[in-house]
């Protein structure tokens, strides 16, 4: 979104960053052409899903630092969207992981 106009799918702040979310965004936009869709990405290559992305603090488990950073990324992105004049709400999240994400 640029000044209230639709634009090509891109990162709101970092124009040189991209990944699988571009294909997802393109597909979602083709399925819902009347909607304005924003994807929020937080990633860390080679991270440990169990330790670094753990969302809970039960039975001695420590909340993972990447999970904490992810939550902050989403909060900050929603603020940025609002500042850009885009009303939004958080619909859900997805995860793509490789072998290093397994305990």
C-alpha atoms as a PDB file:
ATOM      1  CA  UNK A   1       0.000   0.000   0.000  1.00  0.00           C
ATOM      2  CA  UNK A   2       1.451   3.354  -1.034  1.00  0.00           C
ATOM      3  CA  UNK A   3      -0.464   6.494  -0.058  1.00  0.00           C
ATOM      4  CA  UNK A   4      -3.814   4.714  -0.230  1.00  0.00           C
ATOM      5  CA  UNK A   5      -3.104   2.994  -3.560  1.00  0.00           C
ATOM      6  CA  UNK A   6      -2.605  -0.708  -4.104  1.00  0.00           C
ATOM      7  CA  UNK A   7       0.930  -1.671  -5.068  1.00  0.00           C
ATOM      8  CA  UNK A   8       2.962  -4.786  -5.789  1.00  0.00           C
ATOM      9  CA  UNK A   9       3.487  -7.183  -2.915  1.00  0.00           C
ATOM     10  CA  UNK A  10       6.549  -6.060  -0.981  1.00  0.00           C
ATOM     11  CA  UNK A  11       7.940  -5.564   2.499  1.00  0.00           C
ATOM     12  CA  UNK A  12       6.495  -2.432   4.114  1.00  0.00           C
ATOM     13  CA  UNK A  13       9.875  -1.174   5.360  1.00  0.00           C
ATOM     14  CA  UNK A  14      12.669  -3.362   3.966  1.00  0.00           C
ATOM     15  CA  UNK A  15      12.271  -3.516   0.206  1.00  0.00           C
ATOM     16  CA  UNK A  16      15.021  -6.153  -0.231  1.00  0.00           C
ATOM     17  CA  UNK A  17      13.473  -8.819   2.086  1.00  0.00           C
ATOM     18  CA  UNK A  18      11.268 -11.596   0.734  1.00  0.00           C
ATOM     19  CA  UNK A  19      10.524 -15.322   0.985  1.00  0.00           C
ATOM     20  CA  UNK A  20       7.753 -17.906   0.701  1.00  0.00           C
ATOM     21  CA  UNK A  21       5.274 -15.345   2.045  1.00  0.00           C
ATOM     22  CA  UNK A  22       5.283 -13.639  -1.361  1.00  0.00           C
ATOM     23  CA  UNK A  23       3.762 -16.733  -2.980  1.00  0.00           C
ATOM     24  CA  UNK A  24       1.255 -17.019  -0.143  1.00  0.00           C
ATOM     25  CA  UNK A  25       0.345 -13.353  -0.407  1.00  0.00           C
ATOM     26  CA  UNK A  26      -0.055 -13.565  -4.164  1.00  0.00           C
ATOM     27  CA  UNK A  27      -2.354 -16.590  -3.840  1.00  0.00           C
ATOM     28  CA  UNK A  28      -4.433 -15.041  -1.056  1.00  0.00           C
ATOM     29  CA  UNK A  29      -4.838 -11.831  -3.058  1.00  0.00           C
ATOM     30  CA  UNK A  30      -5.986 -13.822  -6.097  1.00  0.00           C
ATOM     31  CA  UNK A  31      -8.564 -15.631  -3.948  1.00  0.00           C
ATOM     32  CA  UNK A  32      -9.754 -12.439  -2.226  1.00  0.00           C
ATOM     33  CA  UNK A  33      -9.184  -9.605  -4.720  1.00  0.00           C
ATOM     34  CA  UNK A  34     -11.525  -7.231  -2.880  1.00  0.00           C
ATOM     35  CA  UNK A  35      -9.523  -7.451   0.358  1.00  0.00           C
ATOM     36  CA  UNK A  36      -6.343  -5.672   1.379  1.00  0.00           C
ATOM     37  CA  UNK A  37      -4.045  -8.344   2.802  1.00  0.00           C
ATOM     38  CA  UNK A  38      -0.930  -7.686   4.869  1.00  0.00           C
ATOM     39  CA  UNK A  39       1.416 -10.485   5.908  1.00  0.00           C
ATOM     40  CA  UNK A  40       3.691 -10.058   8.923  1.00  0.00           C
ATOM     41  CA  UNK A  41       6.904 -12.062   8.806  1.00  0.00           C
ATOM     42  CA  UNK A  42       9.279 -12.981  11.603  1.00  0.00           C
ATOM     43  CA  UNK A  43      11.949 -15.570  10.891  1.00  0.00           C
ATOM     44  CA  UNK A  44      15.242 -16.901  12.172  1.00  0.00           C
ATOM     45  CA  UNK A  45      16.995 -19.480  10.022  1.00  0.00           C
ATOM     46  CA  UNK A  46      18.414 -22.474  11.854  1.00  0.00           C
ATOM     47  CA  UNK A  47      16.515 -21.824  15.079  1.00  0.00           C
ATOM     48  CA  UNK A  48      15.320 -24.506  17.480  1.00  0.00           C
ATOM     49  CA  UNK A  49      11.527 -24.777  17.527  1.00  0.00           C
ATOM     50  CA  UNK A  50      11.314 -26.335  21.012  1.00  0.00           C
ATOM     51  CA  UNK A  51      13.729 -23.988  22.758  1.00  0.00           C
ATOM     52  CA  UNK A  52      13.595 -20.701  20.873  1.00  0.00           C
ATOM     53  CA  UNK A  53       9.921 -20.662  19.828  1.00  0.00           C
ATOM     54  CA  UNK A  54       8.339 -22.144  22.983  1.00  0.00           C
ATOM     55  CA  UNK A  55       5.225 -20.046  23.727  1.00  0.00           C
ATOM     56  CA  UNK A  56       4.515 -21.345  27.236  1.00  0.00           C
ATOM     57  CA  UNK A  57       6.151 -21.283  30.636  1.00  0.00           C
ATOM     58  CA  UNK A  58       4.778 -24.453  32.265  1.00  0.00           C
ATOM     59  CA  UNK A  59       6.609 -27.194  34.132  1.00  0.00           C
ATOM     60  CA  UNK A  60       9.879 -25.302  34.158  1.00  0.00           C
ATOM     61  CA  UNK A  61       9.915 -24.560  30.425  1.00  0.00           C
ATOM     62  CA  UNK A  62      11.163 -21.098  29.607  1.00  0.00           C
ATOM     63  CA  UNK A  63       9.343 -19.001  27.020  1.00  0.00           C
ATOM     64  CA  UNK A  64      11.563 -18.949  23.956  1.00  0.00           C
ATOM     65  CA  UNK A  65      13.280 -15.715  22.995  1.00  0.00           C
ATOM     66  CA  UNK A  66      12.159 -15.979  19.354  1.00  0.00           C
ATOM     67  CA  UNK A  67       8.546 -16.414  20.438  1.00  0.00           C
ATOM     68  CA  UNK A  68       8.854 -13.236  22.512  1.00  0.00           C
ATOM     69  CA  UNK A  69      10.429 -11.425  19.532  1.00  0.00           C
ATOM     70  CA  UNK A  70       7.668 -12.792  17.245  1.00  0.00           C
ATOM     71  CA  UNK A  71       4.940 -11.345  19.480  1.00  0.00           C
ATOM     72  CA  UNK A  72       6.721  -7.973  19.475  1.00  0.00           C
ATOM     73  CA  UNK A  73       7.115  -8.132  15.678  1.00  0.00           C
ATOM     74  CA  UNK A  74       3.365  -8.659  15.257  1.00  0.00           C
ATOM     75  CA  UNK A  75       2.496  -5.865  17.700  1.00  0.00           C
ATOM     76  CA  UNK A  76       4.893  -3.437  16.005  1.00  0.00           C
ATOM     77  CA  UNK A  77       3.670  -4.371  12.515  1.00  0.00           C
ATOM     78  CA  UNK A  78       0.049  -3.749  13.496  1.00  0.00           C
ATOM     79  CA  UNK A  79       1.071  -0.322  14.814  1.00  0.00           C
ATOM     80  CA  UNK A  80       2.935   0.383  11.538  1.00  0.00           C
ATOM     81  CA  UNK A  81      -0.109  -0.654   9.499  1.00  0.00           C
ATOM     82  CA  UNK A  82      -2.302   1.647  11.546  1.00  0.00           C
ATOM     83  CA  UNK A  83       0.173   4.529  11.054  1.00  0.00           C
ATOM     84  CA  UNK A  84       0.047   3.825   7.298  1.00  0.00           C
ATOM     85  CA  UNK A  85      -3.732   4.259   7.429  1.00  0.00           C
ATOM     86  CA  UNK A  86      -4.485   0.565   7.041  1.00  0.00           C
ATOM     87  CA  UNK A  87      -7.058  -0.840   9.442  1.00  0.00           C
ATOM     88  CA  UNK A  88      -6.143  -4.397  10.329  1.00  0.00           C
ATOM     89  CA  UNK A  89      -6.697  -7.286  12.632  1.00  0.00           C
ATOM     90  CA  UNK A  90      -4.605 -10.349  13.402  1.00  0.00           C
ATOM     91  CA  UNK A  91      -6.131 -13.384  11.701  1.00  0.00           C
ATOM     92  CA  UNK A  92      -3.620 -16.139  12.455  1.00  0.00           C
ATOM     93  CA  UNK A  93      -0.109 -17.383  11.915  1.00  0.00           C
ATOM     94  CA  UNK A  94       1.783 -20.066  10.058  1.00  0.00           C
ATOM     95  CA  UNK A  95       5.011 -21.936  10.524  1.00  0.00           C
ATOM     96  CA  UNK A  96       7.542 -23.341   8.113  1.00  0.00           C
ATOM     97  CA  UNK A  97      10.352 -25.340   9.658  1.00  0.00           C
ATOM     98  CA  UNK A  98      13.118 -27.661   8.614  1.00  0.00           C
ATOM     99  CA  UNK A  99      15.010 -30.341  10.470  1.00  0.00           C
ATOM    100  CA  UNK A 100      16.772 -27.915  12.793  1.00  0.00           C
ATOM    101  CA  UNK A 101      13.346 -26.994  14.234  1.00  0.00           C
ATOM    102  CA  UNK A 102      12.925 -30.455  15.761  1.00  0.00           C
ATOM    103  CA  UNK A 103      14.033 -31.197  19.358  1.00  0.00           C
END
